[in-house]
Amino acid sequence: MAHINLLPWREELRKEQQQQFAVIGVGTAIVAGLLILLTHMQMSGLIEQQDNRNKFLETEIASLDKKIAKIKDLEKTKADLLARMDIIQQLQHSRPQSVHLMDELVYTLPDGVFLNAITQKGDSLTMSGVAQSNARVSAYMRNIDNSKWMGKPRLDVIETKEEDKRRTATFVLRAKQITPTEESAESAEEKG
């Protein structure tokens, strides 16, 4: 049999296959690199777009925060004005009350009872004085209880003393100033 040398053919085939493999490998690497580059560019674009959205939202949030701060300032100013209006209305409403209170102090005071001091804190009244007897202090308390502008009398202290063969009762009395309803106030004014 004749000897045929097949080595060069196989070597050429191997070289050709290696070249094809190298071309395919390089082509695959290039395609993979391009895909990675495109993906990177796409992601960079998406990130940049989201950054732009975030910046837009931050500017909008900052402008809304400024508006909210202005609204809070306006609400505080409104609350202050409403509080002032309430105080003015209370003062307007209570202005005649002090006149009625002084008038009622005179009408409720029975004979033989003298007031030394009157103190008012809010609607609480503290009256101290001298009476000819304990019965007169009781009459004063009944008069206060029946009054339209005062009520809830409470006796804190009563001391009976005898000076110059006369008995006197020193007392401290507490009461509340009452704001009568419009109907009862009108009837009280008609009586007076």
N, C-alpha and C. Protein backbone atom coordinates (compact mmCIF):
# COMPACT_ATOMS: atom_id res chain seq x y z
N MET A 1 0.79 -1.13 0.00
CA MET A 1 0.00 0.00 0.00
C MET A 1 0.85 1.23 0.00
N ALA A 2 0.38 2.14 -0.60
CA ALA A 2 1.17 3.34 -0.71
C ALA A 2 0.91 4.22 0.50
N HIS A 3 1.90 4.82 0.87
CA HIS A 3 1.76 5.71 2.01
C HIS A 3 1.39 7.11 1.55
N ILE A 4 0.21 7.57 2.07
CA ILE A 4 -0.25 8.91 1.73
C ILE A 4 -0.11 9.75 3.01
N ASN A 5 0.47 10.84 2.83
CA ASN A 5 0.67 11.73 3.97
C ASN A 5 -0.54 12.68 4.07
N LEU A 6 -1.35 12.49 5.10
CA LEU A 6 -2.54 13.34 5.28
C LEU A 6 -2.27 14.48 6.27
N LEU A 7 -1.11 14.58 6.80
CA LEU A 7 -0.80 15.58 7.82
C LEU A 7 -0.99 17.02 7.33
N PRO A 8 -0.49 17.43 6.20
CA PRO A 8 -0.66 18.81 5.83
C PRO A 8 -2.13 19.18 5.66
N TRP A 9 -2.92 18.25 5.19
CA TRP A 9 -4.34 18.57 4.99
C TRP A 9 -5.01 18.79 6.33
N ARG A 10 -4.68 17.93 7.27
CA ARG A 10 -5.28 18.06 8.60
C ARG A 10 -4.77 19.33 9.30
N GLU A 11 -3.54 19.63 9.11
CA GLU A 11 -2.98 20.83 9.70
C GLU A 11 -3.64 22.08 9.12
N GLU A 12 -3.87 22.07 7.84
CA GLU A 12 -4.52 23.20 7.20
C GLU A 12 -5.95 23.32 7.72
N LEU A 13 -6.61 22.16 7.88
CA LEU A 13 -7.98 22.16 8.38
C LEU A 13 -8.00 22.70 9.82
N ARG A 14 -7.05 22.28 10.61
CA ARG A 14 -6.95 22.76 11.98
C ARG A 14 -6.67 24.26 12.00
N LYS A 15 -5.80 24.73 11.16
CA LYS A 15 -5.49 26.16 11.11
C LYS A 15 -6.72 26.94 10.68
N GLU A 16 -7.43 26.39 9.71
CA GLU A 16 -8.63 27.06 9.22
C GLU A 16 -9.69 27.10 10.33
N GLN A 17 -9.85 25.98 11.06
CA GLN A 17 -10.81 25.92 12.16
C GLN A 17 -10.39 26.87 13.29
N GLN A 18 -9.11 26.97 13.53
CA GLN A 18 -8.63 27.88 14.57
C GLN A 18 -8.88 29.33 14.15
N GLN A 19 -8.67 29.60 12.86
CA GLN A 19 -8.92 30.95 12.37
C GLN A 19 -10.41 31.28 12.49
N GLN A 20 -11.26 30.30 12.08
CA GLN A 20 -12.71 30.52 12.20
C GLN A 20 -13.10 30.72 13.67
N PHE A 21 -12.50 29.90 14.52
CA PHE A 21 -12.80 30.03 15.96
C PHE A 21 -12.36 31.40 16.47
N ALA A 22 -11.19 31.84 16.03
CA ALA A 22 -10.68 33.15 16.45
C ALA A 22 -11.58 34.26 15.92
N VAL A 23 -12.02 34.13 14.65
CA VAL A 23 -12.89 35.15 14.06
C VAL A 23 -14.23 35.16 14.80
N ILE A 24 -14.76 33.94 15.04
CA ILE A 24 -16.03 33.86 15.76
C ILE A 24 -15.86 34.41 17.18
N GLY A 25 -14.76 34.08 17.85
CA GLY A 25 -14.49 34.58 19.20
C GLY A 25 -14.37 36.09 19.22
N VAL A 26 -13.60 36.62 18.27
CA VAL A 26 -13.43 38.08 18.19
C VAL A 26 -14.78 38.74 17.85
N GLY A 27 -15.51 38.14 16.91
CA GLY A 27 -16.83 38.67 16.53
C GLY A 27 -17.78 38.65 17.71
N THR A 28 -17.77 37.52 18.45
CA THR A 28 -18.62 37.41 19.63
C THR A 28 -18.20 38.44 20.68
N ALA A 29 -16.91 38.62 20.87
CA ALA A 29 -16.42 39.60 21.83
C ALA A 29 -16.83 41.01 21.41
N ILE A 30 -16.75 41.28 20.11
CA ILE A 30 -17.13 42.61 19.61
C ILE A 30 -18.63 42.82 19.81
N VAL A 31 -19.42 41.78 19.44
CA VAL A 31 -20.87 41.89 19.60
C VAL A 31 -21.21 42.04 21.09
N ALA A 32 -20.56 41.24 21.94
CA ALA A 32 -20.80 41.35 23.39
C ALA A 32 -20.40 42.73 23.88
N GLY A 33 -19.27 43.24 23.42
CA GLY A 33 -18.81 44.58 23.80
C GLY A 33 -19.80 45.64 23.36
N LEU A 34 -20.31 45.48 22.09
CA LEU A 34 -21.30 46.43 21.60
C LEU A 34 -22.59 46.35 22.42
N LEU A 35 -23.01 45.12 22.76
CA LEU A 35 -24.21 44.97 23.59
C LEU A 35 -24.00 45.60 24.97
N ILE A 36 -22.85 45.37 25.54
CA ILE A 36 -22.55 45.98 26.85
C ILE A 36 -22.52 47.50 26.73
N LEU A 37 -21.92 48.01 25.66
CA LEU A 37 -21.85 49.45 25.42
C LEU A 37 -23.26 50.02 25.25
N LEU A 38 -24.09 49.35 24.43
CA LEU A 38 -25.45 49.82 24.23
C LEU A 38 -26.25 49.77 25.54
N THR A 39 -26.09 48.69 26.28
CA THR A 39 -26.79 48.58 27.56
C THR A 39 -26.32 49.68 28.52
N HIS A 40 -25.01 49.91 28.55
CA HIS A 40 -24.46 50.97 29.40
C HIS A 40 -25.01 52.34 28.98
N MET A 41 -25.04 52.57 27.68
CA MET A 41 -25.56 53.86 27.18
C MET A 41 -27.05 53.99 27.53
N GLN A 42 -27.79 52.89 27.36
CA GLN A 42 -29.22 52.90 27.69
C GLN A 42 -29.41 53.20 29.18
N MET A 43 -28.66 52.50 30.04
CA MET A 43 -28.77 52.71 31.48
C MET A 43 -28.35 54.12 31.87
N SER A 44 -27.28 54.61 31.23
CA SER A 44 -26.83 55.98 31.51
C SER A 44 -27.92 56.97 31.12
N GLY A 45 -28.57 56.73 29.98
CA GLY A 45 -29.66 57.59 29.55
C GLY A 45 -30.82 57.56 30.53
N LEU A 46 -31.17 56.35 30.98
CA LEU A 46 -32.26 56.21 31.95
C LEU A 46 -31.91 56.89 33.27
N ILE A 47 -30.66 56.71 33.72
CA ILE A 47 -30.22 57.35 34.97
C ILE A 47 -30.26 58.87 34.82
N GLU A 48 -29.78 59.36 33.69
CA GLU A 48 -29.79 60.81 33.46
C GLU A 48 -31.22 61.34 33.42
N GLN A 49 -32.10 60.58 32.75
CA GLN A 49 -33.50 60.98 32.69
C GLN A 49 -34.11 61.00 34.09
N GLN A 50 -33.81 59.98 34.91
CA GLN A 50 -34.34 59.94 36.28
C GLN A 50 -33.74 61.07 37.12
N ASP A 51 -32.46 61.37 36.92
CA ASP A 51 -31.84 62.49 37.63
C ASP A 51 -32.54 63.80 37.28
N ASN A 52 -32.86 63.96 35.99
CA ASN A 52 -33.58 65.17 35.58
C ASN A 52 -34.96 65.23 36.23
N ARG A 53 -35.64 64.09 36.28
CA ARG A 53 -36.94 64.05 36.96
C ARG A 53 -36.79 64.40 38.44
N ASN A 54 -35.77 63.83 39.08
CA ASN A 54 -35.53 64.10 40.50
C ASN A 54 -35.25 65.58 40.74
N LYS A 55 -34.44 66.20 39.86
CA LYS A 55 -34.15 67.63 39.99
C LYS A 55 -35.42 68.45 39.83
N PHE A 56 -36.24 68.06 38.84
CA PHE A 56 -37.51 68.76 38.63
C PHE A 56 -38.39 68.64 39.87
N LEU A 57 -38.50 67.41 40.40
CA LEU A 57 -39.31 67.20 41.60
C LEU A 57 -38.76 67.97 42.80
N GLU A 58 -37.44 68.02 42.94
CA GLU A 58 -36.84 68.77 44.05
C GLU A 58 -37.16 70.26 43.95
N THR A 59 -37.09 70.81 42.74
CA THR A 59 -37.41 72.23 42.58
C THR A 59 -38.90 72.48 42.86
N GLU A 60 -39.74 71.55 42.40
CA GLU A 60 -41.18 71.70 42.66
C GLU A 60 -41.47 71.57 44.16
N ILE A 61 -40.81 70.62 44.81
CA ILE A 61 -41.00 70.44 46.25
C ILE A 61 -40.53 71.68 47.00
N ALA A 62 -39.41 72.25 46.58
CA ALA A 62 -38.91 73.46 47.24
C ALA A 62 -39.90 74.61 47.07
N SER A 63 -40.45 74.76 45.87
CA SER A 63 -41.42 75.85 45.67
C SER A 63 -42.69 75.59 46.46
N LEU A 64 -43.12 74.31 46.54
CA LEU A 64 -44.31 74.00 47.36
C LEU A 64 -44.03 74.21 48.84
N ASP A 65 -42.81 73.90 49.29
CA ASP A 65 -42.46 74.15 50.69
C ASP A 65 -42.55 75.63 51.01
N LYS A 66 -42.11 76.47 50.07
CA LYS A 66 -42.21 77.92 50.28
C LYS A 66 -43.67 78.34 50.36
N LYS A 67 -44.49 77.76 49.49
CA LYS A 67 -45.92 78.10 49.51
C LYS A 67 -46.57 77.62 50.80
N ILE A 68 -46.19 76.43 51.26
CA ILE A 68 -46.73 75.89 52.51
C ILE A 68 -46.33 76.79 53.68
N ALA A 69 -45.07 77.24 53.66
CA ALA A 69 -44.62 78.14 54.74
C ALA A 69 -45.44 79.44 54.72
N LYS A 70 -45.71 79.96 53.52
CA LYS A 70 -46.53 81.18 53.43
C LYS A 70 -47.94 80.91 53.94
N ILE A 71 -48.48 79.73 53.58
CA ILE A 71 -49.83 79.39 54.03
C ILE A 71 -49.86 79.27 55.55
N LYS A 72 -48.83 78.65 56.13
CA LYS A 72 -48.77 78.53 57.60
C LYS A 72 -48.69 79.90 58.25
N ASP A 73 -47.90 80.80 57.65
CA ASP A 73 -47.82 82.16 58.18
C ASP A 73 -49.18 82.85 58.10
N LEU A 74 -49.86 82.66 56.97
CA LEU A 74 -51.18 83.26 56.81
C LEU A 74 -52.18 82.66 57.81
N GLU A 75 -52.10 81.34 58.02
CA GLU A 75 -53.00 80.71 58.99
C GLU A 75 -52.71 81.22 60.40
N LYS A 76 -51.43 81.41 60.73
CA LYS A 76 -51.08 81.93 62.05
C LYS A 76 -51.60 83.36 62.19
N THR A 77 -51.44 84.16 61.14
CA THR A 77 -51.95 85.52 61.16
C THR A 77 -53.46 85.52 61.30
N LYS A 78 -54.10 84.59 60.58
CA LYS A 78 -55.56 84.47 60.67
C LYS A 78 -55.98 84.10 62.09
N ALA A 79 -55.28 83.12 62.68
CA ALA A 79 -55.61 82.69 64.05
C ALA A 79 -55.40 83.85 65.03
N ASP A 80 -54.32 84.62 64.84
CA ASP A 80 -54.07 85.78 65.71
C ASP A 80 -55.19 86.81 65.56
N LEU A 81 -55.58 87.06 64.32
CA LEU A 81 -56.66 88.03 64.09
C LEU A 81 -57.98 87.55 64.68
N LEU A 82 -58.26 86.25 64.52
CA LEU A 82 -59.49 85.71 65.11
C LEU A 82 -59.47 85.80 66.63
N ALA A 83 -58.30 85.54 67.21
CA ALA A 83 -58.18 85.65 68.67
C ALA A 83 -58.39 87.10 69.10
N ARG A 84 -57.83 88.03 68.36
CA ARG A 84 -58.03 89.46 68.68
C ARG A 84 -59.50 89.84 68.54
N MET A 85 -60.13 89.34 67.47
CA MET A 85 -61.55 89.64 67.28
C MET A 85 -62.38 89.06 68.41
N ASP A 86 -62.03 87.85 68.87
CA ASP A 86 -62.73 87.25 70.00
C ASP A 86 -62.59 88.10 71.25
N ILE A 87 -61.36 88.56 71.50
CA ILE A 87 -61.12 89.40 72.68
C ILE A 87 -61.91 90.70 72.57
N ILE A 88 -61.92 91.29 71.38
CA ILE A 88 -62.67 92.53 71.19
C ILE A 88 -64.16 92.29 71.40
N GLN A 89 -64.66 91.16 70.86
CA GLN A 89 -66.08 90.85 71.05
C GLN A 89 -66.39 90.61 72.52
N GLN A 90 -65.50 89.91 73.22
CA GLN A 90 -65.71 89.69 74.65
C GLN A 90 -65.71 91.02 75.41
N LEU A 91 -64.77 91.89 75.05
CA LEU A 91 -64.72 93.19 75.70
C LEU A 91 -65.98 94.01 75.39
N GLN A 92 -66.42 93.95 74.13
CA GLN A 92 -67.64 94.66 73.76
C GLN A 92 -68.83 94.10 74.53
N HIS A 93 -68.84 92.77 74.67
CA HIS A 93 -69.95 92.12 75.37
C HIS A 93 -69.89 92.38 76.87
N SER A 94 -68.67 92.43 77.42
CA SER A 94 -68.54 92.59 78.87
C SER A 94 -68.53 94.06 79.30
N ARG A 95 -68.47 94.96 78.37
CA ARG A 95 -68.44 96.37 78.74
C ARG A 95 -69.65 96.77 79.58
N PRO A 96 -70.87 96.43 79.19
CA PRO A 96 -71.99 96.81 80.05
C PRO A 96 -72.09 95.96 81.32
N GLN A 97 -71.42 94.81 81.32
CA GLN A 97 -71.50 93.94 82.49
C GLN A 97 -70.92 94.60 83.74
N SER A 98 -69.83 95.32 83.58
CA SER A 98 -69.23 95.96 84.76
C SER A 98 -70.19 97.01 85.34
N VAL A 99 -70.91 97.71 84.48
CA VAL A 99 -71.89 98.69 84.95
C VAL A 99 -73.02 97.96 85.69
N HIS A 100 -73.49 96.86 85.07
CA HIS A 100 -74.56 96.09 85.72
C HIS A 100 -74.08 95.50 87.04
N LEU A 101 -72.82 95.07 87.08
CA LEU A 101 -72.28 94.49 88.31
C LEU A 101 -72.26 95.52 89.42
N MET A 102 -71.75 96.72 89.13
CA MET A 102 -71.71 97.77 90.15
C MET A 102 -73.12 98.14 90.60
N ASP A 103 -74.02 98.20 89.64
CA ASP A 103 -75.41 98.52 89.96
C ASP A 103 -76.01 97.42 90.83
N GLU A 104 -75.72 96.18 90.50
CA GLU A 104 -76.25 95.04 91.25
C GLU A 104 -75.65 94.97 92.65
N LEU A 105 -74.39 95.37 92.80
CA LEU A 105 -73.78 95.40 94.13
C LEU A 105 -74.56 96.34 95.06
N VAL A 106 -75.01 97.45 94.51
CA VAL A 106 -75.76 98.41 95.30
C VAL A 106 -77.14 97.85 95.66
N TYR A 107 -77.82 97.23 94.66
CA TYR A 107 -79.18 96.72 94.89
C TYR A 107 -79.21 95.52 95.82
N THR A 108 -78.18 94.69 95.79
CA THR A 108 -78.20 93.48 96.63
C THR A 108 -77.75 93.76 98.05
N LEU A 109 -77.08 94.85 98.29
CA LEU A 109 -76.54 95.15 99.61
C LEU A 109 -77.67 95.55 100.56
N PRO A 110 -77.95 94.74 101.59
CA PRO A 110 -79.03 95.10 102.53
C PRO A 110 -78.55 96.17 103.52
N ASP A 111 -79.50 96.75 104.23
CA ASP A 111 -79.15 97.74 105.25
C ASP A 111 -78.33 97.06 106.34
N GLY A 112 -77.36 97.75 106.84
CA GLY A 112 -76.54 97.23 107.93
C GLY A 112 -75.34 96.42 107.44
N VAL A 113 -75.11 96.37 106.12
CA VAL A 113 -73.95 95.67 105.57
C VAL A 113 -73.14 96.70 104.79
N PHE A 114 -71.83 96.73 105.07
CA PHE A 114 -70.93 97.69 104.43
C PHE A 114 -69.76 96.93 103.82
N LEU A 115 -69.44 97.24 102.58
CA LEU A 115 -68.33 96.57 101.90
C LEU A 115 -67.07 97.42 102.05
N ASN A 116 -65.96 96.75 102.38
CA ASN A 116 -64.66 97.43 102.48
C ASN A 116 -63.86 97.29 101.20
N ALA A 117 -63.94 96.10 100.58
CA ALA A 117 -63.13 95.85 99.38
C ALA A 117 -63.86 94.86 98.48
N ILE A 118 -63.69 95.08 97.18
CA ILE A 118 -64.23 94.17 96.16
C ILE A 118 -63.08 93.84 95.21
N THR A 119 -62.84 92.56 94.99
CA THR A 119 -61.79 92.12 94.08
C THR A 119 -62.42 91.22 93.02
N GLN A 120 -62.04 91.46 91.77
CA GLN A 120 -62.57 90.62 90.69
C GLN A 120 -61.42 90.04 89.90
N LYS A 121 -61.45 88.72 89.72
CA LYS A 121 -60.50 88.01 88.86
C LYS A 121 -61.32 87.16 87.92
N GLY A 122 -61.37 87.55 86.66
CA GLY A 122 -62.22 86.84 85.71
C GLY A 122 -63.67 87.06 86.10
N ASP A 123 -64.39 85.98 86.35
CA ASP A 123 -65.78 86.12 86.77
C ASP A 123 -65.94 85.88 88.27
N SER A 124 -64.83 85.73 88.99
CA SER A 124 -64.88 85.50 90.45
C SER A 124 -64.81 86.84 91.19
N LEU A 125 -65.69 87.00 92.14
CA LEU A 125 -65.73 88.21 92.96
C LEU A 125 -65.41 87.84 94.40
N THR A 126 -64.60 88.64 95.05
CA THR A 126 -64.32 88.48 96.47
C THR A 126 -64.67 89.80 97.14
N MET A 127 -65.60 89.72 98.09
CA MET A 127 -66.06 90.93 98.77
C MET A 127 -65.79 90.78 100.26
N SER A 128 -65.21 91.80 100.83
CA SER A 128 -65.00 91.79 102.28
C SER A 128 -65.65 93.03 102.85
N GLY A 129 -66.21 92.84 104.04
CA GLY A 129 -66.91 93.97 104.63
C GLY A 129 -67.30 93.71 106.06
N VAL A 130 -68.19 94.59 106.57
CA VAL A 130 -68.65 94.53 107.95
C VAL A 130 -70.17 94.56 107.92
N ALA A 131 -70.78 93.72 108.78
CA ALA A 131 -72.24 93.70 108.89
C ALA A 131 -72.62 93.87 110.35
N GLN A 132 -73.84 94.34 110.59
CA GLN A 132 -74.30 94.53 111.96
C GLN A 132 -74.61 93.20 112.63
N SER A 133 -74.90 92.16 111.80
CA SER A 133 -75.16 90.83 112.38
C SER A 133 -74.94 89.76 111.32
N ASN A 134 -74.90 88.53 111.79
CA ASN A 134 -74.76 87.41 110.87
C ASN A 134 -75.99 87.27 109.98
N ALA A 135 -77.15 87.65 110.50
CA ALA A 135 -78.39 87.55 109.72
C ALA A 135 -78.34 88.48 108.51
N ARG A 136 -77.70 89.60 108.66
CA ARG A 136 -77.60 90.53 107.54
C ARG A 136 -76.67 89.97 106.45
N VAL A 137 -75.63 89.26 106.86
CA VAL A 137 -74.75 88.60 105.89
C VAL A 137 -75.54 87.53 105.15
N SER A 138 -76.38 86.79 105.87
CA SER A 138 -77.23 85.77 105.25
C SER A 138 -78.19 86.41 104.26
N ALA A 139 -78.76 87.56 104.62
CA ALA A 139 -79.67 88.26 103.71
C ALA A 139 -78.91 88.71 102.47
N TYR A 140 -77.68 89.16 102.66
CA TYR A 140 -76.86 89.58 101.52
C TYR A 140 -76.60 88.39 100.58
N MET A 141 -76.31 87.23 101.18
CA MET A 141 -76.07 86.05 100.35
C MET A 141 -77.33 85.64 99.59
N ARG A 142 -78.51 85.75 100.22
CA ARG A 142 -79.77 85.44 99.52
C ARG A 142 -80.00 86.42 98.37
N ASN A 143 -79.70 87.69 98.62
CA ASN A 143 -79.86 88.70 97.57
C ASN A 143 -78.94 88.41 96.39
N ILE A 144 -77.71 88.01 96.69
CA ILE A 144 -76.77 87.67 95.61
C ILE A 144 -77.28 86.46 94.84
N ASP A 145 -77.81 85.47 95.55
CA ASP A 145 -78.31 84.26 94.89
C ASP A 145 -79.51 84.57 93.99
N ASN A 146 -80.31 85.58 94.36
CA ASN A 146 -81.48 85.95 93.56
C ASN A 146 -81.14 86.94 92.45
N SER A 147 -79.92 87.42 92.42
CA SER A 147 -79.50 88.44 91.46
C SER A 147 -79.37 87.85 90.05
N LYS A 148 -79.60 88.69 89.05
CA LYS A 148 -79.43 88.28 87.64
C LYS A 148 -77.97 88.36 87.20
N TRP A 149 -77.17 89.17 87.87
CA TRP A 149 -75.80 89.42 87.43
C TRP A 149 -74.76 88.79 88.35
N MET A 150 -75.18 88.29 89.50
CA MET A 150 -74.27 87.61 90.42
C MET A 150 -74.93 86.33 90.90
N GLY A 151 -74.11 85.38 91.35
CA GLY A 151 -74.66 84.13 91.85
C GLY A 151 -73.62 83.31 92.57
N LYS A 152 -74.06 82.16 93.07
CA LYS A 152 -73.21 81.20 93.77
C LYS A 152 -72.42 81.85 94.92
N PRO A 153 -73.12 82.48 95.86
CA PRO A 153 -72.39 83.09 96.98
C PRO A 153 -71.81 82.00 97.89
N ARG A 154 -70.63 82.26 98.40
CA ARG A 154 -69.97 81.32 99.31
C ARG A 154 -69.24 82.14 100.37
N LEU A 155 -69.58 81.86 101.62
CA LEU A 155 -68.99 82.60 102.72
C LEU A 155 -67.67 81.94 103.10
N ASP A 156 -66.58 82.70 103.02
CA ASP A 156 -65.26 82.16 103.39
C ASP A 156 -65.00 82.34 104.88
N VAL A 157 -65.17 83.56 105.36
CA VAL A 157 -64.83 83.87 106.76
C VAL A 157 -65.92 84.80 107.32
N ILE A 158 -66.29 84.54 108.54
CA ILE A 158 -67.14 85.48 109.26
C ILE A 158 -66.66 85.49 110.71
N GLU A 159 -66.38 86.66 111.24
CA GLU A 159 -65.91 86.81 112.62
C GLU A 159 -66.80 87.84 113.31
N THR A 160 -67.30 87.45 114.44
CA THR A 160 -68.13 88.36 115.22
C THR A 160 -67.25 89.02 116.29
N LYS A 161 -67.31 90.33 116.34
CA LYS A 161 -66.53 91.10 117.32
C LYS A 161 -67.47 92.03 118.07
N GLU A 162 -67.03 92.35 119.25
CA GLU A 162 -67.81 93.30 120.04
C GLU A 162 -66.92 94.49 120.37
N GLU A 163 -67.30 95.64 119.84
CA GLU A 163 -66.55 96.86 120.08
C GLU A 163 -67.52 97.95 120.53
N ASP A 164 -67.17 98.62 121.58
CA ASP A 164 -68.00 99.70 122.11
C ASP A 164 -69.44 99.25 122.33
N LYS A 165 -69.58 98.07 122.89
CA LYS A 165 -70.88 97.48 123.22
C LYS A 165 -71.76 97.27 121.99
N ARG A 166 -71.10 97.17 120.82
CA ARG A 166 -71.84 96.86 119.58
C ARG A 166 -71.22 95.61 118.98
N ARG A 167 -72.07 94.72 118.50
CA ARG A 167 -71.57 93.51 117.84
C ARG A 167 -71.51 93.77 116.34
N THR A 168 -70.40 93.41 115.76
CA THR A 168 -70.24 93.52 114.30
C THR A 168 -69.69 92.19 113.78
N ALA A 169 -70.03 91.90 112.56
CA ALA A 169 -69.54 90.68 111.91
C ALA A 169 -68.68 91.08 110.72
N THR A 170 -67.40 90.72 110.78
CA THR A 170 -66.50 90.95 109.65
C THR A 170 -66.55 89.70 108.78
N PHE A 171 -66.71 89.89 107.47
CA PHE A 171 -66.88 88.72 106.60
C PHE A 171 -66.07 88.85 105.32
N VAL A 172 -65.81 87.68 104.72
CA VAL A 172 -65.23 87.60 103.38
C VAL A 172 -66.15 86.67 102.60
N LEU A 173 -66.68 87.16 101.51
CA LEU A 173 -67.68 86.45 100.73
C LEU A 173 -67.21 86.33 99.29
N ARG A 174 -67.43 85.17 98.71
CA ARG A 174 -67.08 84.97 97.29
C ARG A 174 -68.35 84.74 96.50
N ALA A 175 -68.35 85.22 95.25
CA ALA A 175 -69.49 85.04 94.35
C ALA A 175 -68.98 84.99 92.92
N LYS A 176 -69.86 84.62 92.03
CA LYS A 176 -69.52 84.56 90.60
C LYS A 176 -70.32 85.63 89.87
N GLN A 177 -69.67 86.26 88.90
CA GLN A 177 -70.38 87.19 88.04
C GLN A 177 -71.06 86.36 86.95
N ILE A 178 -72.33 86.61 86.72
CA ILE A 178 -73.11 85.84 85.76
C ILE A 178 -73.47 86.74 84.60
N THR A 179 -73.44 86.17 83.41
CA THR A 179 -73.92 86.88 82.24
C THR A 179 -75.29 86.32 81.91
N PRO A 180 -76.32 87.06 82.20
CA PRO A 180 -77.66 86.51 81.96
C PRO A 180 -77.95 86.41 80.47
N THR A 181 -78.93 85.59 80.15
CA THR A 181 -79.35 85.49 78.76
C THR A 181 -80.00 86.80 78.36
N GLU A 182 -80.18 87.00 77.06
CA GLU A 182 -80.71 88.28 76.58
C GLU A 182 -82.10 88.56 77.13
N GLU A 183 -82.94 87.51 77.21
CA GLU A 183 -84.30 87.71 77.70
C GLU A 183 -84.31 88.16 79.16
N SER A 184 -83.51 87.46 79.99
CA SER A 184 -83.49 87.82 81.41
C SER A 184 -82.81 89.17 81.61
N ALA A 185 -81.84 89.51 80.77
CA ALA A 185 -81.18 90.82 80.88
C ALA A 185 -82.17 91.93 80.53
N GLU A 186 -82.99 91.70 79.48
CA GLU A 186 -83.97 92.71 79.10
C GLU A 186 -85.01 92.88 80.21
N SER A 187 -85.43 91.75 80.80
CA SER A 187 -86.42 91.86 81.88
C SER A 187 -85.81 92.54 83.10
N ALA A 188 -84.51 92.30 83.37
CA ALA A 188 -83.84 92.96 84.50
C ALA A 188 -83.74 94.46 84.25
N GLU A 189 -83.47 94.84 82.99
CA GLU A 189 -83.36 96.25 82.67
C GLU A 189 -84.73 96.92 82.76
N GLU A 190 -85.79 96.18 82.39
CA GLU A 190 -87.12 96.76 82.46
C GLU A 190 -87.54 96.99 83.91
N LYS A 191 -87.13 96.07 84.80
CA LYS A 191 -87.45 96.20 86.23
C LYS A 191 -86.72 97.41 86.83
N GLY A 192 -85.42 97.57 86.39
CA GLY A 192 -84.60 98.64 86.97
C GLY A 192 -84.96 99.92 86.35
